[in-house]
Amino acid sequence: MRNFKRVMLVVIILLIVLATVVFVLENQQPVSLVFLGWSAPELSVAVPVILALLIGMMIGPLLGWIVSFRRKQKPPRLV
């Protein structure tokens, strides 16, 4: 059973990597982004999208950790 879980995890990771590679290969059009006056160099569409995905994947768990940490810090209310 443990080996089955490992195999399934590897298969899922490989599918995600494959989907990412296909996404990058299908979105090679150059695009220039401007954000708050800062202009980025022309990159393929996939680069900013994947960067946004990775940043979101880091920010989401961080915010969840902060919320759970704050809930543990508050003393219980007496009703």
N, C-alpha and C. Protein backbone atom coordinates (compact mmCIF):
# COMPACT_ATOMS: atom_id res chain seq x y z
N MET A 1 0.83 -1.19 0.00
CA MET A 1 0.00 0.00 0.00
C MET A 1 0.87 1.25 0.00
N ARG A 2 1.98 1.18 0.74
CA ARG A 2 2.86 2.34 0.81
C ARG A 2 3.51 2.62 -0.54
N ASN A 3 3.88 1.55 -1.23
CA ASN A 3 4.46 1.71 -2.56
C ASN A 3 3.45 2.28 -3.55
N PHE A 4 2.19 1.88 -3.41
CA PHE A 4 1.14 2.39 -4.29
C PHE A 4 0.99 3.90 -4.12
N LYS A 5 1.05 4.37 -2.88
CA LYS A 5 0.95 5.81 -2.62
C LYS A 5 2.12 6.56 -3.23
N ARG A 6 3.30 5.99 -3.13
CA ARG A 6 4.48 6.62 -3.73
C ARG A 6 4.36 6.68 -5.24
N VAL A 7 3.91 5.59 -5.84
CA VAL A 7 3.75 5.55 -7.29
C VAL A 7 2.71 6.58 -7.72
N MET A 8 1.61 6.66 -7.01
CA MET A 8 0.57 7.64 -7.35
C MET A 8 1.09 9.06 -7.20
N LEU A 9 1.89 9.33 -6.18
CA LEU A 9 2.47 10.65 -5.99
C LEU A 9 3.40 10.99 -7.15
N VAL A 10 4.22 10.05 -7.56
CA VAL A 10 5.13 10.27 -8.69
C VAL A 10 4.34 10.51 -9.97
N VAL A 11 3.29 9.75 -10.18
CA VAL A 11 2.47 9.91 -11.38
C VAL A 11 1.82 11.29 -11.39
N ILE A 12 1.30 11.73 -10.26
CA ILE A 12 0.66 13.05 -10.18
C ILE A 12 1.68 14.15 -10.43
N ILE A 13 2.86 14.03 -9.85
CA ILE A 13 3.90 15.04 -10.07
C ILE A 13 4.32 15.07 -11.53
N LEU A 14 4.47 13.91 -12.14
CA LEU A 14 4.83 13.86 -13.56
C LEU A 14 3.75 14.47 -14.44
N LEU A 15 2.48 14.27 -14.11
CA LEU A 15 1.39 14.88 -14.86
C LEU A 15 1.42 16.40 -14.74
N ILE A 16 1.71 16.90 -13.54
CA ILE A 16 1.79 18.35 -13.35
C ILE A 16 2.96 18.92 -14.14
N VAL A 17 4.10 18.24 -14.11
CA VAL A 17 5.26 18.70 -14.88
C VAL A 17 4.95 18.67 -16.38
N LEU A 18 4.31 17.62 -16.84
CA LEU A 18 3.95 17.51 -18.25
C LEU A 18 3.00 18.63 -18.65
N ALA A 19 2.00 18.91 -17.83
CA ALA A 19 1.06 19.99 -18.13
C ALA A 19 1.77 21.34 -18.17
N THR A 20 2.73 21.54 -17.28
CA THR A 20 3.49 22.79 -17.27
C THR A 20 4.34 22.93 -18.53
N VAL A 21 4.99 21.86 -18.93
CA VAL A 21 5.81 21.89 -20.15
C VAL A 21 4.94 22.17 -21.37
N VAL A 22 3.80 21.52 -21.47
CA VAL A 22 2.89 21.76 -22.60
C VAL A 22 2.42 23.21 -22.58
N PHE A 23 2.10 23.74 -21.40
CA PHE A 23 1.66 25.14 -21.29
C PHE A 23 2.74 26.09 -21.78
N VAL A 24 3.98 25.85 -21.37
CA VAL A 24 5.09 26.71 -21.78
C VAL A 24 5.30 26.63 -23.28
N LEU A 25 5.25 25.44 -23.84
CA LEU A 25 5.47 25.28 -25.27
C LEU A 25 4.35 25.88 -26.11
N GLU A 26 3.14 25.89 -25.59
CA GLU A 26 2.01 26.44 -26.34
C GLU A 26 1.88 27.96 -26.22
N ASN A 27 2.59 28.58 -25.29
CA ASN A 27 2.45 30.02 -25.06
C ASN A 27 3.80 30.71 -25.21
N GLN A 28 4.28 30.75 -26.43
CA GLN A 28 5.57 31.36 -26.71
C GLN A 28 5.47 32.80 -27.22
N GLN A 29 4.26 33.37 -27.29
CA GLN A 29 4.11 34.73 -27.78
C GLN A 29 4.76 35.71 -26.81
N PRO A 30 5.53 36.67 -27.31
CA PRO A 30 6.15 37.64 -26.41
C PRO A 30 5.13 38.65 -25.90
N VAL A 31 5.29 39.05 -24.66
CA VAL A 31 4.41 40.04 -24.06
C VAL A 31 5.25 40.92 -23.14
N SER A 32 4.90 42.20 -23.08
CA SER A 32 5.60 43.13 -22.21
C SER A 32 4.63 43.59 -21.14
N LEU A 33 5.02 43.47 -19.89
CA LEU A 33 4.15 43.83 -18.78
C LEU A 33 4.60 45.13 -18.15
N VAL A 34 3.63 45.95 -17.70
CA VAL A 34 3.91 47.18 -16.98
C VAL A 34 3.12 47.12 -15.68
N PHE A 35 3.83 47.31 -14.55
CA PHE A 35 3.18 47.27 -13.24
C PHE A 35 3.74 48.41 -12.39
N LEU A 36 2.86 49.33 -12.01
CA LEU A 36 3.23 50.49 -11.19
C LEU A 36 4.41 51.27 -11.78
N GLY A 37 4.39 51.44 -13.07
CA GLY A 37 5.44 52.19 -13.74
C GLY A 37 6.68 51.37 -14.07
N TRP A 38 6.77 50.18 -13.55
CA TRP A 38 7.92 49.32 -13.82
C TRP A 38 7.61 48.48 -15.05
N SER A 39 8.47 48.55 -16.03
CA SER A 39 8.26 47.82 -17.28
C SER A 39 9.19 46.62 -17.33
N ALA A 40 8.60 45.46 -17.52
CA ALA A 40 9.38 44.23 -17.62
C ALA A 40 9.82 44.02 -19.06
N PRO A 41 10.92 43.32 -19.27
CA PRO A 41 11.31 43.01 -20.66
C PRO A 41 10.32 42.05 -21.29
N GLU A 42 10.34 41.99 -22.60
CA GLU A 42 9.42 41.08 -23.30
C GLU A 42 9.80 39.64 -23.00
N LEU A 43 8.85 38.90 -22.49
CA LEU A 43 9.02 37.48 -22.19
C LEU A 43 7.85 36.73 -22.80
N SER A 44 7.97 35.43 -22.89
CA SER A 44 6.82 34.66 -23.37
C SER A 44 5.70 34.72 -22.33
N VAL A 45 4.49 34.52 -22.77
CA VAL A 45 3.32 34.61 -21.90
C VAL A 45 3.44 33.65 -20.72
N ALA A 46 4.03 32.52 -20.94
CA ALA A 46 4.10 31.49 -19.91
C ALA A 46 4.93 31.92 -18.71
N VAL A 47 5.97 32.72 -18.92
CA VAL A 47 6.86 33.09 -17.82
C VAL A 47 6.13 33.88 -16.73
N PRO A 48 5.42 34.98 -17.05
CA PRO A 48 4.71 35.69 -15.98
C PRO A 48 3.60 34.86 -15.33
N VAL A 49 2.94 34.03 -16.12
CA VAL A 49 1.86 33.20 -15.57
C VAL A 49 2.43 32.19 -14.58
N ILE A 50 3.52 31.53 -14.93
CA ILE A 50 4.11 30.54 -14.03
C ILE A 50 4.71 31.23 -12.81
N LEU A 51 5.32 32.41 -12.98
CA LEU A 51 5.83 33.15 -11.83
C LEU A 51 4.70 33.53 -10.88
N ALA A 52 3.56 33.99 -11.43
CA ALA A 52 2.42 34.33 -10.59
C ALA A 52 1.91 33.09 -9.85
N LEU A 53 1.89 31.95 -10.52
CA LEU A 53 1.47 30.70 -9.89
C LEU A 53 2.40 30.33 -8.74
N LEU A 54 3.71 30.41 -8.97
CA LEU A 54 4.67 30.05 -7.93
C LEU A 54 4.61 31.02 -6.74
N ILE A 55 4.46 32.31 -7.02
CA ILE A 55 4.35 33.28 -5.93
C ILE A 55 3.08 33.03 -5.12
N GLY A 56 1.99 32.72 -5.81
CA GLY A 56 0.74 32.40 -5.11
C GLY A 56 0.85 31.14 -4.28
N MET A 57 1.62 30.17 -4.79
CA MET A 57 1.80 28.93 -4.04
C MET A 57 2.64 29.16 -2.79
N MET A 58 3.45 30.21 -2.76
CA MET A 58 4.23 30.53 -1.57
C MET A 58 3.43 31.41 -0.61
N ILE A 59 2.66 32.35 -1.15
CA ILE A 59 1.91 33.28 -0.31
C ILE A 59 0.74 32.59 0.39
N GLY A 60 0.05 31.69 -0.29
CA GLY A 60 -1.11 31.02 0.28
C GLY A 60 -0.80 30.28 1.58
N PRO A 61 0.15 29.37 1.58
CA PRO A 61 0.50 28.69 2.83
C PRO A 61 1.04 29.63 3.90
N LEU A 62 1.75 30.67 3.48
CA LEU A 62 2.27 31.64 4.45
C LEU A 62 1.13 32.35 5.16
N LEU A 63 0.12 32.78 4.42
CA LEU A 63 -1.03 33.43 5.04
C LEU A 63 -1.80 32.46 5.93
N GLY A 64 -1.93 31.22 5.51
CA GLY A 64 -2.59 30.21 6.35
C GLY A 64 -1.84 29.98 7.64
N TRP A 65 -0.51 29.97 7.57
CA TRP A 65 0.31 29.79 8.77
C TRP A 65 0.14 30.98 9.70
N ILE A 66 0.10 32.20 9.15
CA ILE A 66 -0.07 33.40 9.97
C ILE A 66 -1.42 33.37 10.67
N VAL A 67 -2.48 33.01 9.97
CA VAL A 67 -3.81 32.96 10.57
C VAL A 67 -3.86 31.91 11.68
N SER A 68 -3.31 30.74 11.43
CA SER A 68 -3.34 29.70 12.46
C SER A 68 -2.48 30.09 13.66
N PHE A 69 -1.38 30.79 13.44
CA PHE A 69 -0.52 31.25 14.52
C PHE A 69 -1.25 32.28 15.37
N ARG A 70 -1.99 33.18 14.75
CA ARG A 70 -2.74 34.20 15.49
C ARG A 70 -3.88 33.57 16.31
N ARG A 71 -4.51 32.56 15.76
CA ARG A 71 -5.60 31.89 16.51
C ARG A 71 -5.06 31.19 17.75
N LYS A 72 -3.86 30.65 17.68
CA LYS A 72 -3.28 29.98 18.83
C LYS A 72 -2.82 30.99 19.89
N GLN A 73 -2.51 32.20 19.48
CA GLN A 73 -2.02 33.21 20.40
C GLN A 73 -3.13 33.83 21.27
N LYS A 74 -4.35 33.90 20.75
CA LYS A 74 -5.43 34.55 21.48
C LYS A 74 -5.85 33.71 22.68
N PRO A 75 -6.03 34.35 23.86
CA PRO A 75 -6.51 33.61 25.02
C PRO A 75 -7.99 33.26 24.84
N PRO A 76 -8.44 32.16 25.42
CA PRO A 76 -9.86 31.80 25.26
C PRO A 76 -10.76 32.81 25.97
N ARG A 77 -11.92 33.06 25.38
CA ARG A 77 -12.88 33.99 25.96
C ARG A 77 -13.73 33.28 27.01
N LEU A 78 -14.02 33.99 28.07
CA LEU A 78 -14.92 33.47 29.08
C LEU A 78 -16.32 33.98 28.79
N VAL A 79 -17.25 33.07 28.60
CA VAL A 79 -18.61 33.47 28.25
C VAL A 79 -19.51 33.29 29.43
